[in-house]
Structures are given as C-alpha cells and as structure tokens.
C-alpha cells in the first residue's frame, strides 16, 4: 500500500504521518510526504498510489487543482482542510471523506477506517434494484459495471445483471480501489481479470471469469498495465 500526504504545515504533516502509520501498520509499504502541488503531482504521475491525504491551501495553490491535473485516477482521496465550506466540491469530485481542521484523532481515524472498509470488499454491500425491489449485493460478487446512459448496469459473477440509478462515475466512488476504469463505459473488478487481448490497430479487450470482450480504451490500457504490473 502506498499513501501520499500533501500538507504544507510541518507539524500537521508529522501528525498525519503518525496517525497513518498507527492505523495501517505493516500494511503500509510506502508513505510519501510533500508540501507542494508540483511535487505531489509528479509523485502521482510516477506510479500507482492507493490513498492521498490532501490539504486545500498549499502556499496559495488550490489542492483541488491536483485532482483536476491528475485526471483519471485509481487512488482514493481524503481532504484534510480548514476550509469546511468547500466540502461540497470535494464530494462532487469523488473524494472519499473531508476532515475539517482542527481535527481530533478520532475523526481522522474514522476517515482512515472508511478507506480500510472500502479496501475490504467482503465487508461492503451495494444497494441495487433487482426484480422490482431494492436489494443489497456483496461487492465481492461484482464482475463489472457498464454505463447505461445516466444509469449503470451491474453484472455479477453469476452472470446476473442488476440496475443502479447512479452513473458509472458515482458508482466508482462507492467501490474499492481494485475496481478499475478500463473504458469510459466499463468499470471492472481487477480481482477477476483473466485475460487481456491485444489486437491489431491498437484495440484491446479484457476477459474476466464471467465475461469476455470487455473493451479497454488506449489511455486506460496504459493505466491498467501500470496498476497491475507496477
């Protein structure tokens, strides 16, 4: 697991580092601290990241700009900022949690636990419409998600299909980091990847344990290789 902390106040950065190490323990392989947007952007572009702890006021730079510049991303973000009035923007951008400064240890640990829960699919469920009723499905049973206009079609490992009234961008925020966006219309559970097809003309397709021929866009193919191969 790799975590990046972007915070320009040294004492707060040290506190965040301490709490992150306490929470994740041996699961934490890499922890990187930066105090400028440029450094953090270079870090995120250099290789995969699992979680970003982000301040919003960075020597006058806007932390949200980092998320905009990062573009398509496979990491989750927790905002840690004194600007609580900007929390609505955070959730519109798919941020996992917003921790307002000054924060208590309990509040920060709560946010970190949200990420931990999100990373453990066996503990997660998702409400979907099945047979005209609202039911909860185990996230671990999801094979992939396909965009259907402003809605989403969820395909389970059994082959059964479920309807969700959120667009695929919103569904992605609700799922663990191992669900990867391989195409603008497809979100796939990387734990069930089986085969990646590379055809002439730069066309790519993915097979899972349940489905075949899921399209992979060129840009997402590069991200997919980076995520899976390191």
Foldseek 3Di string as FASTA:
>chain_A
DEEEEAAQPVVVQVVVVVLVCVLCPPVYDYYYYHQDLVVVLCVVVVAAHAEYEFEQQRVNHGRVVSLVVNPDHLYAYEYEYQPPVCVVVCVVSLHQYYAHPPHDSVSVSVSVVSLVCQQDQQNDWDWFADPNDTDIDRLVQWFKWFFDDQWIWTAGQVRDITTGNHGPVNVSSSHHSQFACQDPGMTGRVVFWDDWDADPPRWIATDGSRGGGHTGDNVSVVVVCRVPVD
